[in-house]
Amino acid sequence: MRKTSETDVKISLNLDGNGRSDVSTGIEFFDHMLNSFARHSFFDLEVKAEGDTGVDDHHTVEDVGILLGDVFKEAIGDKRGIKRMSHAIVPMDDALATVAVDVSGRSYSVMNFKFKKSKVGDLSTENVEHFFESFANSARININARVEGENDHHQIEALFKAFARALSDASRVEHDTIPSTKGVL
């Protein structure tokens, strides 16, 4: 749970799920992206967020990103046995998104995209980058994302789907060691 003077957010995440979701943030297009993230990662996700969306969508998107990153970090634990690094390339009509992740214990994000419109539905496009940065910082992972295309809706949806596939694959347990020469992540 994350409660501030601007938002009240509750999230549950099951990495061993089936892609089920129940999402309500007060930002319909963001709900659509989080539902897509759950479906394509096969993570079960519940998000209940109330925020000052009358001001704008920034605080809600930011705090969902922060808490989702925190919940992911807790769910992944000591990272023993995970694949750790992965990537996904996802087309959606005119758009092509590439997302690479490293569940490294260090936060860093590189975002390489520009949108034509300031909003898609009720989501400010500038907050797409902010969501991924907030997630990376709180989950302590690396995210490198890029997308190209003509339609902003398609570009954003391809990004969320590629992020879902890359994070799901990087989280997959495939051995019984910590995947680092340092012995910790």
C-alpha atoms as a PDB file:
ATOM      1  CA  MET A   1       0.000   0.000   0.000  1.00  0.00           C
ATOM      2  CA  ARG A   2       1.120   3.560  -0.738  1.00  0.00           C
ATOM      3  CA  LYS A   3      -0.855   6.413   0.764  1.00  0.00           C
ATOM      4  CA  THR A   4       0.104  10.053   0.306  1.00  0.00           C
ATOM      5  CA  SER A   5      -1.811  13.316   0.414  1.00  0.00           C
ATOM      6  CA  GLU A   6      -2.261  12.881  -3.376  1.00  0.00           C
ATOM      7  CA  THR A   7      -2.960   9.155  -3.798  1.00  0.00           C
ATOM      8  CA  ASP A   8      -4.083   5.964  -2.093  1.00  0.00           C
ATOM      9  CA  VAL A   9      -2.786   2.896  -3.953  1.00  0.00           C
ATOM     10  CA  LYS A  10      -3.108  -0.824  -3.171  1.00  0.00           C
ATOM     11  CA  ILE A  11      -1.457  -3.476  -5.340  1.00  0.00           C
ATOM     12  CA  SER A  12      -1.147  -7.230  -5.194  1.00  0.00           C
ATOM     13  CA  LEU A  13       1.029  -9.146  -7.647  1.00  0.00           C
ATOM     14  CA  ASN A  14       1.483 -12.877  -8.171  1.00  0.00           C
ATOM     15  CA  LEU A  15       4.423 -13.710 -10.442  1.00  0.00           C
ATOM     16  CA  ASP A  16       3.183 -17.305 -10.761  1.00  0.00           C
ATOM     17  CA  GLY A  17      -0.245 -16.328 -12.006  1.00  0.00           C
ATOM     18  CA  ASN A  18      -2.283 -16.740 -15.167  1.00  0.00           C
ATOM     19  CA  GLY A  19      -2.506 -13.149 -16.366  1.00  0.00           C
ATOM     20  CA  ARG A  20      -5.647 -12.262 -14.444  1.00  0.00           C
ATOM     21  CA  SER A  21      -6.169  -8.628 -13.535  1.00  0.00           C
ATOM     22  CA  ASP A  22      -8.497  -6.348 -11.667  1.00  0.00           C
ATOM     23  CA  VAL A  23      -7.355  -2.766 -12.207  1.00  0.00           C
ATOM     24  CA  SER A  24      -8.972   0.528 -11.308  1.00  0.00           C
ATOM     25  CA  THR A  25      -6.858   3.694 -11.257  1.00  0.00           C
ATOM     26  CA  GLY A  26      -9.364   6.312 -12.375  1.00  0.00           C
ATOM     27  CA  ILE A  27      -7.391   6.616 -15.647  1.00  0.00           C
ATOM     28  CA  GLU A  28      -9.073   4.344 -18.197  1.00  0.00           C
ATOM     29  CA  PHE A  29      -6.264   4.129 -20.741  1.00  0.00           C
ATOM     30  CA  PHE A  30      -3.764   3.399 -17.947  1.00  0.00           C
ATOM     31  CA  ASP A  31      -6.108   0.646 -16.685  1.00  0.00           C
ATOM     32  CA  HIS A  32      -6.081  -0.797 -20.204  1.00  0.00           C
ATOM     33  CA  MET A  33      -2.255  -0.787 -20.245  1.00  0.00           C
ATOM     34  CA  LEU A  34      -1.965  -2.418 -16.789  1.00  0.00           C
ATOM     35  CA  ASN A  35      -4.502  -5.086 -17.784  1.00  0.00           C
ATOM     36  CA  SER A  36      -2.457  -5.714 -20.923  1.00  0.00           C
ATOM     37  CA  PHE A  37       0.720  -5.897 -18.818  1.00  0.00           C
ATOM     38  CA  ALA A  38      -0.867  -8.571 -16.603  1.00  0.00           C
ATOM     39  CA  ARG A  39      -2.206 -10.574 -19.548  1.00  0.00           C
ATOM     40  CA  HIS A  40       1.087 -10.643 -21.437  1.00  0.00           C
ATOM     41  CA  SER A  41       3.323 -11.242 -18.400  1.00  0.00           C
ATOM     42  CA  PHE A  42       1.040 -13.961 -17.010  1.00  0.00           C
ATOM     43  CA  PHE A  43       1.327 -12.162 -13.660  1.00  0.00           C
ATOM     44  CA  ASP A  44      -1.889 -11.838 -11.664  1.00  0.00           C
ATOM     45  CA  LEU A  45      -2.356  -8.173 -10.833  1.00  0.00           C
ATOM     46  CA  GLU A  46      -4.782  -6.212  -8.686  1.00  0.00           C
ATOM     47  CA  VAL A  47      -4.505  -2.423  -8.585  1.00  0.00           C
ATOM     48  CA  LYS A  48      -6.848  -0.114  -6.727  1.00  0.00           C
ATOM     49  CA  ALA A  49      -5.803   3.526  -6.923  1.00  0.00           C
ATOM     50  CA  GLU A  50      -7.508   6.741  -5.977  1.00  0.00           C
ATOM     51  CA  GLY A  51      -5.680   9.908  -6.839  1.00  0.00           C
ATOM     52  CA  ASP A  52      -6.003  13.585  -7.508  1.00  0.00           C
ATOM     53  CA  THR A  53      -6.869  12.981 -11.159  1.00  0.00           C
ATOM     54  CA  GLY A  54      -8.869  16.214 -11.102  1.00  0.00           C
ATOM     55  CA  VAL A  55      -5.470  17.927 -10.993  1.00  0.00           C
ATOM     56  CA  ASP A  56      -3.998  15.560 -13.590  1.00  0.00           C
ATOM     57  CA  ASP A  57      -2.883  11.946 -13.925  1.00  0.00           C
ATOM     58  CA  HIS A  58       0.771  12.424 -12.917  1.00  0.00           C
ATOM     59  CA  HIS A  59       0.612  11.479  -9.221  1.00  0.00           C
ATOM     60  CA  THR A  60      -1.527   8.393  -9.811  1.00  0.00           C
ATOM     61  CA  VAL A  61       0.678   7.058 -12.628  1.00  0.00           C
ATOM     62  CA  GLU A  62       3.825   7.809 -10.618  1.00  0.00           C
ATOM     63  CA  ASP A  63       2.599   6.180  -7.404  1.00  0.00           C
ATOM     64  CA  VAL A  64       1.286   3.090  -9.215  1.00  0.00           C
ATOM     65  CA  GLY A  65       4.727   2.763 -10.855  1.00  0.00           C
ATOM     66  CA  ILE A  66       6.495   3.171  -7.512  1.00  0.00           C
ATOM     67  CA  LEU A  67       4.302   0.692  -5.645  1.00  0.00           C
ATOM     68  CA  LEU A  68       4.221  -1.842  -8.497  1.00  0.00           C
ATOM     69  CA  GLY A  69       8.033  -1.719  -8.535  1.00  0.00           C
ATOM     70  CA  ASP A  70       8.135  -2.208  -4.746  1.00  0.00           C
ATOM     71  CA  VAL A  71       5.715  -5.138  -4.923  1.00  0.00           C
ATOM     72  CA  PHE A  72       7.707  -6.712  -7.785  1.00  0.00           C
ATOM     73  CA  LYS A  73      10.970  -6.334  -5.824  1.00  0.00           C
ATOM     74  CA  GLU A  74       9.402  -8.035  -2.826  1.00  0.00           C
ATOM     75  CA  ALA A  75       7.885 -10.826  -4.961  1.00  0.00           C
ATOM     76  CA  ILE A  76      11.172 -11.602  -6.745  1.00  0.00           C
ATOM     77  CA  GLY A  77      12.967 -11.999  -3.384  1.00  0.00           C
ATOM     78  CA  ASP A  78      16.702 -12.691  -3.407  1.00  0.00           C
ATOM     79  CA  LYS A  79      16.506 -13.480  -7.151  1.00  0.00           C
ATOM     80  CA  ARG A  80      17.938 -16.974  -6.670  1.00  0.00           C
ATOM     81  CA  GLY A  81      17.560 -18.967  -9.850  1.00  0.00           C
ATOM     82  CA  ILE A  82      16.002 -16.271 -12.038  1.00  0.00           C
ATOM     83  CA  LYS A  83      17.080 -15.741 -15.613  1.00  0.00           C
ATOM     84  CA  ARG A  84      17.732 -12.084 -14.626  1.00  0.00           C
ATOM     85  CA  MET A  85      18.094 -10.462 -18.081  1.00  0.00           C
ATOM     86  CA  SER A  86      15.711 -10.603 -20.995  1.00  0.00           C
ATOM     87  CA  HIS A  87      14.225  -8.624 -23.830  1.00  0.00           C
ATOM     88  CA  ALA A  88      11.136  -8.602 -26.009  1.00  0.00           C
ATOM     89  CA  ILE A  89      10.277  -7.123 -29.366  1.00  0.00           C
ATOM     90  CA  VAL A  90       6.570  -6.571 -29.888  1.00  0.00           C
ATOM     91  CA  PRO A  91       4.843  -5.295 -33.027  1.00  0.00           C
ATOM     92  CA  MET A  92       1.386  -3.776 -32.910  1.00  0.00           C
ATOM     93  CA  ASP A  93       0.131  -2.696 -36.291  1.00  0.00           C
ATOM     94  CA  ASP A  94       2.381   0.260 -37.257  1.00  0.00           C
ATOM     95  CA  ALA A  95       4.330   0.233 -33.969  1.00  0.00           C
ATOM     96  CA  LEU A  96       7.376  -1.772 -32.950  1.00  0.00           C
ATOM     97  CA  ALA A  97       8.533  -1.770 -29.321  1.00  0.00           C
ATOM     98  CA  THR A  98      11.760  -3.199 -27.928  1.00  0.00           C
ATOM     99  CA  VAL A  99      12.227  -3.521 -24.181  1.00  0.00           C
ATOM    100  CA  ALA A 100      15.231  -5.043 -22.416  1.00  0.00           C
ATOM    101  CA  VAL A 101      15.377  -5.546 -18.641  1.00  0.00           C
ATOM    102  CA  ASP A 102      17.990  -6.586 -16.108  1.00  0.00           C
ATOM    103  CA  VAL A 103      16.709  -7.523 -12.643  1.00  0.00           C
ATOM    104  CA  SER A 104      20.067  -6.405 -11.328  1.00  0.00           C
ATOM    105  CA  GLY A 105      19.432  -4.737  -7.975  1.00  0.00           C
ATOM    106  CA  ARG A 106      20.464  -1.442  -9.571  1.00  0.00           C
ATOM    107  CA  SER A 107      17.992   1.032 -11.003  1.00  0.00           C
ATOM    108  CA  TYR A 108      18.474   2.673 -14.349  1.00  0.00           C
ATOM    109  CA  SER A 109      16.172   3.494 -17.225  1.00  0.00           C
ATOM    110  CA  VAL A 110      16.755   4.543 -20.802  1.00  0.00           C
ATOM    111  CA  MET A 111      13.643   5.574 -22.701  1.00  0.00           C
ATOM    112  CA  ASN A 112      13.763   6.268 -26.393  1.00  0.00           C
ATOM    113  CA  PHE A 113      10.389   7.369 -27.700  1.00  0.00           C
ATOM    114  CA  LYS A 114       8.361  10.428 -28.639  1.00  0.00           C
ATOM    115  CA  PHE A 115       4.643  10.663 -29.020  1.00  0.00           C
ATOM    116  CA  LYS A 116       2.712  12.960 -31.345  1.00  0.00           C
ATOM    117  CA  LYS A 117      -0.117  13.779 -28.945  1.00  0.00           C
ATOM    118  CA  SER A 118      -0.050  15.025 -25.372  1.00  0.00           C
ATOM    119  CA  LYS A 119      -2.713  12.472 -24.357  1.00  0.00           C
ATOM    120  CA  VAL A 120      -4.047   9.100 -25.377  1.00  0.00           C
ATOM    121  CA  GLY A 121      -7.503   8.873 -23.909  1.00  0.00           C
ATOM    122  CA  ASP A 122      -7.124  10.207 -20.394  1.00  0.00           C
ATOM    123  CA  LEU A 123      -3.420   9.324 -20.002  1.00  0.00           C
ATOM    124  CA  SER A 124      -0.800  12.026 -20.535  1.00  0.00           C
ATOM    125  CA  THR A 125       1.809  10.560 -22.857  1.00  0.00           C
ATOM    126  CA  GLU A 126       4.626  12.207 -20.870  1.00  0.00           C
ATOM    127  CA  ASN A 127       3.648   9.954 -17.958  1.00  0.00           C
ATOM    128  CA  VAL A 128       4.411   6.755 -19.893  1.00  0.00           C
ATOM    129  CA  GLU A 129       8.139   7.395 -19.487  1.00  0.00           C
ATOM    130  CA  HIS A 130       7.554   8.463 -15.889  1.00  0.00           C
ATOM    131  CA  PHE A 131       5.759   5.173 -15.108  1.00  0.00           C
ATOM    132  CA  PHE A 132       8.679   3.082 -16.390  1.00  0.00           C
ATOM    133  CA  GLU A 133      11.246   5.253 -14.584  1.00  0.00           C
ATOM    134  CA  SER A 134       9.276   5.035 -11.327  1.00  0.00           C
ATOM    135  CA  PHE A 135       9.017   1.261 -11.667  1.00  0.00           C
ATOM    136  CA  ALA A 136      12.734   0.867 -12.440  1.00  0.00           C
ATOM    137  CA  ASN A 137      13.762   3.027  -9.489  1.00  0.00           C
ATOM    138  CA  SER A 138      11.618   1.268  -6.903  1.00  0.00           C
ATOM    139  CA  ALA A 139      12.112  -2.276  -8.270  1.00  0.00           C
ATOM    140  CA  ARG A 140      15.842  -1.594  -8.629  1.00  0.00           C
ATOM    141  CA  ILE A 141      16.024  -2.933 -12.167  1.00  0.00           C
ATOM    142  CA  ASN A 142      17.333  -1.678 -15.499  1.00  0.00           C
ATOM    143  CA  ILE A 143      14.826  -0.934 -18.251  1.00  0.00           C
ATOM    144  CA  ASN A 144      15.843   0.054 -21.755  1.00  0.00           C
ATOM    145  CA  ALA A 145      12.820   0.778 -23.942  1.00  0.00           C
ATOM    146  CA  ARG A 146      12.262   2.153 -27.395  1.00  0.00           C
ATOM    147  CA  VAL A 147       9.326   2.317 -29.752  1.00  0.00           C
ATOM    148  CA  GLU A 148       8.618   3.614 -33.211  1.00  0.00           C
ATOM    149  CA  GLY A 149       5.385   4.000 -35.121  1.00  0.00           C
ATOM    150  CA  GLU A 150       2.698   6.391 -36.245  1.00  0.00           C
ATOM    151  CA  ASN A 151      -0.117   5.762 -33.776  1.00  0.00           C
ATOM    152  CA  ASP A 152       0.518   6.750 -30.135  1.00  0.00           C
ATOM    153  CA  HIS A 153      -2.029   4.234 -28.792  1.00  0.00           C
ATOM    154  CA  HIS A 154      -0.297   1.389 -30.644  1.00  0.00           C
ATOM    155  CA  GLN A 155       3.153   2.561 -29.539  1.00  0.00           C
ATOM    156  CA  ILE A 156       2.218   2.743 -25.852  1.00  0.00           C
ATOM    157  CA  GLU A 157       0.410  -0.588 -25.911  1.00  0.00           C
ATOM    158  CA  ALA A 158       3.349  -2.270 -27.666  1.00  0.00           C
ATOM    159  CA  LEU A 159       5.664  -0.850 -24.960  1.00  0.00           C
ATOM    160  CA  PHE A 160       3.563  -2.280 -22.117  1.00  0.00           C
ATOM    161  CA  LYS A 161       3.305  -5.664 -23.852  1.00  0.00           C
ATOM    162  CA  ALA A 162       7.056  -5.786 -24.533  1.00  0.00           C
ATOM    163  CA  PHE A 163       7.772  -4.786 -20.924  1.00  0.00           C
ATOM    164  CA  ALA A 164       5.440  -7.537 -19.724  1.00  0.00           C
ATOM    165  CA  ARG A 165       7.092 -10.218 -21.867  1.00  0.00           C
ATOM    166  CA  ALA A 166      10.654  -9.132 -20.975  1.00  0.00           C
ATOM    167  CA  LEU A 167       9.968  -8.887 -17.227  1.00  0.00           C
ATOM    168  CA  SER A 168       8.138 -12.204 -17.155  1.00  0.00           C
ATOM    169  CA  ASP A 169      10.983 -13.954 -18.964  1.00  0.00           C
ATOM    170  CA  ALA A 170      13.676 -12.333 -16.779  1.00  0.00           C
ATOM    171  CA  SER A 171      11.748 -13.473 -13.666  1.00  0.00           C
ATOM    172  CA  ARG A 172      11.603 -17.104 -14.781  1.00  0.00           C
ATOM    173  CA  VAL A 173      13.411 -19.522 -12.477  1.00  0.00           C
ATOM    174  CA  GLU A 174      15.829 -21.641 -14.488  1.00  0.00           C
ATOM    175  CA  HIS A 175      18.590 -22.696 -12.049  1.00  0.00           C
ATOM    176  CA  ASP A 176      19.433 -22.576  -8.320  1.00  0.00           C
ATOM    177  CA  THR A 177      22.075 -19.856  -8.032  1.00  0.00           C
ATOM    178  CA  ILE A 178      22.227 -16.092  -7.753  1.00  0.00           C
ATOM    179  CA  PRO A 179      22.880 -14.941 -11.341  1.00  0.00           C
ATOM    180  CA  SER A 180      25.776 -12.623 -10.507  1.00  0.00           C
ATOM    181  CA  THR A 181      29.556 -12.931 -10.181  1.00  0.00           C
ATOM    182  CA  LYS A 182      29.154 -10.905  -6.964  1.00  0.00           C
ATOM    183  CA  GLY A 183      26.902 -13.559  -5.429  1.00  0.00           C
ATOM    184  CA  VAL A 184      24.165 -11.021  -4.652  1.00  0.00           C
ATOM    185  CA  LEU A 185      21.754  -8.902  -6.657  1.00  0.00           C
END
